[in-house]
Amino acid sequence: MKRLLFVLFAFLGLATSAVAQKGDVTLGLQLQNATCAHQMGVGVNVGCFVSNSVRLEPSFNYYFLNAGLKAWDINLNAHYVFNVVERFRLYPLLGLTFSHWTADTDDSSVDRIGLNVGAGAEYLITDHISFKGEMKFQYVADFNQAVFSLGANYRF
């Protein structure tokens, strides 16, 4: 429990530092599918443009129990956003991940730090609401996986 509280406070610190930067700020929710244990998950993210093209996005994701494993991770990704046409954006991403895996059978757990590499697309429905799809590969020792996500963001 102490570890979970520490991680949540660390995530809030990352989100606060992103909010303190100049530029548009977004809050998003996402559904995910991770390939390591074929897990579905949910997540929340905070995005902030630190320049016209660079967005920082910390996120927290929880993956539901499947195949005897459950997990959560915290990510800090950087996106380089290309405005392809009006209201449509593409972006490559690069970032860091901290993941925590727990085996349901014996409650043993493993923590790992890794690297995120991927890409995404975002469509702005209105000036404040957008939908996005993203695919990233997480390079994490013993737990490499692809993560596919669909989500929505609200821009403040």
C-alpha atoms as a PDB file:
ATOM      1  CA  MET A   1       0.000   0.000   0.000  1.00  0.00           C
ATOM      2  CA  LYS A   2       2.867   2.381   0.812  1.00  0.00           C
ATOM      3  CA  ARG A   3       4.367   1.715  -2.604  1.00  0.00           C
ATOM      4  CA  LEU A   4       1.070   2.509  -4.359  1.00  0.00           C
ATOM      5  CA  LEU A   5       0.712   5.782  -2.437  1.00  0.00           C
ATOM      6  CA  PHE A   6       4.286   6.736  -3.315  1.00  0.00           C
ATOM      7  CA  VAL A   7       3.658   6.034  -6.999  1.00  0.00           C
ATOM      8  CA  LEU A   8       0.406   8.022  -7.024  1.00  0.00           C
ATOM      9  CA  PHE A   9       2.121  11.015  -5.416  1.00  0.00           C
ATOM     10  CA  ALA A  10       4.975  10.738  -7.933  1.00  0.00           C
ATOM     11  CA  PHE A  11       2.431  10.727 -10.772  1.00  0.00           C
ATOM     12  CA  LEU A  12       0.715  13.800  -9.343  1.00  0.00           C
ATOM     13  CA  GLY A  13       4.100  15.504  -9.174  1.00  0.00           C
ATOM     14  CA  LEU A  14       4.744  14.737 -12.847  1.00  0.00           C
ATOM     15  CA  ALA A  15       1.282  15.970 -13.781  1.00  0.00           C
ATOM     16  CA  THR A  16       1.743  19.157 -11.779  1.00  0.00           C
ATOM     17  CA  SER A  17       5.083  19.869 -13.424  1.00  0.00           C
ATOM     18  CA  ALA A  18       3.481  19.373 -16.837  1.00  0.00           C
ATOM     19  CA  VAL A  19       0.629  21.727 -15.952  1.00  0.00           C
ATOM     20  CA  ALA A  20       3.105  24.389 -14.841  1.00  0.00           C
ATOM     21  CA  GLN A  21       4.550  24.653 -18.372  1.00  0.00           C
ATOM     22  CA  LYS A  22       3.353  27.096 -21.031  1.00  0.00           C
ATOM     23  CA  GLY A  23       0.822  25.915 -23.610  1.00  0.00           C
ATOM     24  CA  ASP A  24      -2.370  23.954 -23.966  1.00  0.00           C
ATOM     25  CA  VAL A  25      -3.166  21.483 -21.189  1.00  0.00           C
ATOM     26  CA  THR A  26      -5.263  18.356 -21.711  1.00  0.00           C
ATOM     27  CA  LEU A  27      -6.709  15.701 -19.432  1.00  0.00           C
ATOM     28  CA  GLY A  28      -7.441  12.332 -21.008  1.00  0.00           C
ATOM     29  CA  LEU A  29      -8.899   8.895 -20.372  1.00  0.00           C
ATOM     30  CA  GLN A  30      -7.963   5.791 -22.351  1.00  0.00           C
ATOM     31  CA  LEU A  31      -8.722   2.111 -22.806  1.00  0.00           C
ATOM     32  CA  GLN A  32      -5.753  -0.146 -23.475  1.00  0.00           C
ATOM     33  CA  ASN A  33      -4.755  -3.607 -24.579  1.00  0.00           C
ATOM     34  CA  ALA A  34      -1.290  -4.866 -23.592  1.00  0.00           C
ATOM     35  CA  THR A  35       0.148  -7.896 -25.348  1.00  0.00           C
ATOM     36  CA  CYS A  36       2.400  -9.359 -22.607  1.00  0.00           C
ATOM     37  CA  ALA A  37      -0.467 -11.116 -20.808  1.00  0.00           C
ATOM     38  CA  HIS A  38      -3.274 -10.021 -23.163  1.00  0.00           C
ATOM     39  CA  GLN A  39      -4.482  -7.568 -20.539  1.00  0.00           C
ATOM     40  CA  MET A  40      -7.106  -4.864 -20.903  1.00  0.00           C
ATOM     41  CA  GLY A  41      -6.545  -1.686 -18.981  1.00  0.00           C
ATOM     42  CA  VAL A  42      -7.646   1.856 -18.276  1.00  0.00           C
ATOM     43  CA  GLY A  43      -5.558   4.961 -17.925  1.00  0.00           C
ATOM     44  CA  VAL A  44      -5.462   8.669 -17.311  1.00  0.00           C
ATOM     45  CA  ASN A  45      -3.037  11.199 -18.792  1.00  0.00           C
ATOM     46  CA  VAL A  46      -2.182  14.878 -18.596  1.00  0.00           C
ATOM     47  CA  GLY A  47      -0.689  16.529 -21.676  1.00  0.00           C
ATOM     48  CA  CYS A  48       1.009  19.892 -21.991  1.00  0.00           C
ATOM     49  CA  PHE A  49       2.563  21.565 -25.031  1.00  0.00           C
ATOM     50  CA  VAL A  50       5.964  22.950 -24.038  1.00  0.00           C
ATOM     51  CA  SER A  51       6.477  24.355 -27.552  1.00  0.00           C
ATOM     52  CA  ASN A  52       4.352  24.556 -30.712  1.00  0.00           C
ATOM     53  CA  SER A  53       5.206  20.940 -31.590  1.00  0.00           C
ATOM     54  CA  VAL A  54       6.430  19.197 -28.435  1.00  0.00           C
ATOM     55  CA  ARG A  55       3.968  17.806 -25.905  1.00  0.00           C
ATOM     56  CA  LEU A  56       4.876  16.104 -22.612  1.00  0.00           C
ATOM     57  CA  GLU A  57       2.386  13.532 -21.376  1.00  0.00           C
ATOM     58  CA  PRO A  58       2.665  11.734 -18.038  1.00  0.00           C
ATOM     59  CA  SER A  59       0.170   8.890 -17.637  1.00  0.00           C
ATOM     60  CA  PHE A  60      -0.955   6.252 -15.140  1.00  0.00           C
ATOM     61  CA  ASN A  61      -2.407   2.966 -16.420  1.00  0.00           C
ATOM     62  CA  TYR A  62      -3.943  -0.004 -14.617  1.00  0.00           C
ATOM     63  CA  TYR A  63      -4.160  -3.432 -16.305  1.00  0.00           C
ATOM     64  CA  PHE A  64      -6.800  -5.886 -15.104  1.00  0.00           C
ATOM     65  CA  LEU A  65      -6.001  -9.406 -13.934  1.00  0.00           C
ATOM     66  CA  ASN A  66      -5.476 -11.891 -16.782  1.00  0.00           C
ATOM     67  CA  ALA A  67      -3.386 -15.057 -17.095  1.00  0.00           C
ATOM     68  CA  GLY A  68      -2.489 -14.751 -13.397  1.00  0.00           C
ATOM     69  CA  LEU A  69      -0.938 -11.272 -13.783  1.00  0.00           C
ATOM     70  CA  LYS A  70      -2.112  -7.778 -12.998  1.00  0.00           C
ATOM     71  CA  ALA A  71      -0.084  -4.638 -13.507  1.00  0.00           C
ATOM     72  CA  TRP A  72       0.098  -0.875 -13.490  1.00  0.00           C
ATOM     73  CA  ASP A  73       2.554   1.544 -14.993  1.00  0.00           C
ATOM     74  CA  ILE A  74       3.541   5.185 -14.931  1.00  0.00           C
ATOM     75  CA  ASN A  75       4.843   6.750 -18.136  1.00  0.00           C
ATOM     76  CA  LEU A  76       6.395  10.046 -19.118  1.00  0.00           C
ATOM     77  CA  ASN A  77       6.282  10.391 -22.905  1.00  0.00           C
ATOM     78  CA  ALA A  78       7.268  13.184 -25.254  1.00  0.00           C
ATOM     79  CA  HIS A  79       5.269  13.631 -28.487  1.00  0.00           C
ATOM     80  CA  TYR A  80       6.450  15.570 -31.537  1.00  0.00           C
ATOM     81  CA  VAL A  81       3.106  16.637 -33.024  1.00  0.00           C
ATOM     82  CA  PHE A  82       2.609  17.135 -36.767  1.00  0.00           C
ATOM     83  CA  ASN A  83      -0.559  18.977 -37.825  1.00  0.00           C
ATOM     84  CA  VAL A  84      -1.275  16.990 -41.001  1.00  0.00           C
ATOM     85  CA  VAL A  85      -4.546  18.679 -41.982  1.00  0.00           C
ATOM     86  CA  GLU A  86      -6.969  20.824 -40.033  1.00  0.00           C
ATOM     87  CA  ARG A  87      -8.028  18.953 -36.864  1.00  0.00           C
ATOM     88  CA  PHE A  88      -5.850  15.865 -37.566  1.00  0.00           C
ATOM     89  CA  ARG A  89      -2.478  15.276 -35.908  1.00  0.00           C
ATOM     90  CA  LEU A  90       0.152  12.545 -36.032  1.00  0.00           C
ATOM     91  CA  TYR A  91       2.977  12.107 -33.547  1.00  0.00           C
ATOM     92  CA  PRO A  92       5.890   9.814 -32.788  1.00  0.00           C
ATOM     93  CA  LEU A  93       6.521   9.249 -29.085  1.00  0.00           C
ATOM     94  CA  LEU A  94       9.508   8.465 -26.936  1.00  0.00           C
ATOM     95  CA  GLY A  95       9.476   8.095 -23.176  1.00  0.00           C
ATOM     96  CA  LEU A  96      10.136   6.225 -19.965  1.00  0.00           C
ATOM     97  CA  THR A  97       7.975   3.733 -18.111  1.00  0.00           C
ATOM     98  CA  PHE A  98       7.933   2.349 -14.594  1.00  0.00           C
ATOM     99  CA  SER A  99       5.890  -0.842 -14.421  1.00  0.00           C
ATOM    100  CA  HIS A 100       4.738  -2.974 -11.517  1.00  0.00           C
ATOM    101  CA  TRP A 101       3.599  -6.565 -12.101  1.00  0.00           C
ATOM    102  CA  THR A 102       1.917  -8.819  -9.530  1.00  0.00           C
ATOM    103  CA  ALA A 103       1.350 -12.585  -9.829  1.00  0.00           C
ATOM    104  CA  ASP A 104      -2.078 -13.587  -8.536  1.00  0.00           C
ATOM    105  CA  THR A 105      -0.938 -17.060  -7.455  1.00  0.00           C
ATOM    106  CA  ASP A 106       1.602 -16.061  -4.799  1.00  0.00           C
ATOM    107  CA  ASP A 107       1.307 -12.241  -4.607  1.00  0.00           C
ATOM    108  CA  SER A 108       4.923 -11.862  -5.704  1.00  0.00           C
ATOM    109  CA  SER A 109       5.653  -8.627  -7.537  1.00  0.00           C
ATOM    110  CA  VAL A 110       8.258  -7.190  -9.879  1.00  0.00           C
ATOM    111  CA  ASP A 111       9.118  -3.557 -10.590  1.00  0.00           C
ATOM    112  CA  ARG A 112      10.877  -2.544 -13.808  1.00  0.00           C
ATOM    113  CA  ILE A 113      11.975   0.638 -15.566  1.00  0.00           C
ATOM    114  CA  GLY A 114      11.837   0.688 -19.350  1.00  0.00           C
ATOM    115  CA  LEU A 115      11.613   2.664 -22.553  1.00  0.00           C
ATOM    116  CA  ASN A 116       8.516   3.565 -24.621  1.00  0.00           C
ATOM    117  CA  VAL A 117       8.693   3.982 -28.404  1.00  0.00           C
ATOM    118  CA  GLY A 118       5.623   4.439 -30.573  1.00  0.00           C
ATOM    119  CA  ALA A 119       3.270   6.651 -32.531  1.00  0.00           C
ATOM    120  CA  GLY A 120      -0.229   8.044 -32.342  1.00  0.00           C
ATOM    121  CA  ALA A 121      -2.947   9.921 -34.185  1.00  0.00           C
ATOM    122  CA  GLU A 122      -5.360  12.482 -32.797  1.00  0.00           C
ATOM    123  CA  TYR A 123      -8.527  13.991 -34.250  1.00  0.00           C
ATOM    124  CA  LEU A 124      -9.937  17.210 -32.767  1.00  0.00           C
ATOM    125  CA  ILE A 125     -13.737  16.866 -32.632  1.00  0.00           C
ATOM    126  CA  THR A 126     -14.150  20.378 -31.193  1.00  0.00           C
ATOM    127  CA  ASP A 127     -11.738  22.999 -29.894  1.00  0.00           C
ATOM    128  CA  HIS A 128     -11.831  21.227 -26.519  1.00  0.00           C
ATOM    129  CA  ILE A 129     -12.430  17.514 -27.246  1.00  0.00           C
ATOM    130  CA  SER A 130     -10.241  15.117 -29.217  1.00  0.00           C
ATOM    131  CA  PHE A 131     -10.068  11.377 -29.826  1.00  0.00           C
ATOM    132  CA  LYS A 132      -6.784   9.543 -30.202  1.00  0.00           C
ATOM    133  CA  GLY A 133      -5.327   6.171 -30.994  1.00  0.00           C
ATOM    134  CA  GLU A 134      -1.837   5.175 -29.989  1.00  0.00           C
ATOM    135  CA  MET A 135       0.530   2.235 -30.308  1.00  0.00           C
ATOM    136  CA  LYS A 136       3.712   1.976 -28.309  1.00  0.00           C
ATOM    137  CA  PHE A 137       6.218  -0.711 -27.562  1.00  0.00           C
ATOM    138  CA  GLN A 138       7.492  -0.917 -24.008  1.00  0.00           C
ATOM    139  CA  TYR A 139      11.020  -2.248 -23.696  1.00  0.00           C
ATOM    140  CA  VAL A 140      10.997  -3.614 -20.137  1.00  0.00           C
ATOM    141  CA  ALA A 141      13.253  -6.464 -18.979  1.00  0.00           C
ATOM    142  CA  ASP A 142      11.240  -9.741 -18.946  1.00  0.00           C
ATOM    143  CA  PHE A 143       8.003  -7.864 -19.749  1.00  0.00           C
ATOM    144  CA  ASN A 144       8.416  -6.358 -23.259  1.00  0.00           C
ATOM    145  CA  GLN A 145       5.021  -5.629 -24.733  1.00  0.00           C
ATOM    146  CA  ALA A 146       3.075  -3.673 -27.307  1.00  0.00           C
ATOM    147  CA  VAL A 147       0.312  -1.452 -25.912  1.00  0.00           C
ATOM    148  CA  PHE A 148      -2.608  -0.305 -28.071  1.00  0.00           C
ATOM    149  CA  SER A 149      -4.841   2.446 -26.710  1.00  0.00           C
ATOM    150  CA  LEU A 150      -7.923   4.435 -27.663  1.00  0.00           C
ATOM    151  CA  GLY A 151      -8.871   7.516 -25.729  1.00  0.00           C
ATOM    152  CA  ALA A 152     -10.377  10.959 -25.467  1.00  0.00           C
ATOM    153  CA  ASN A 153      -8.845  14.221 -24.260  1.00  0.00           C
ATOM    154  CA  TYR A 154     -10.355  17.416 -22.952  1.00  0.00           C
ATOM    155  CA  ARG A 155      -8.353  20.625 -23.541  1.00  0.00           C
ATOM    156  CA  PHE A 156      -8.633  23.365 -20.912  1.00  0.00           C
END
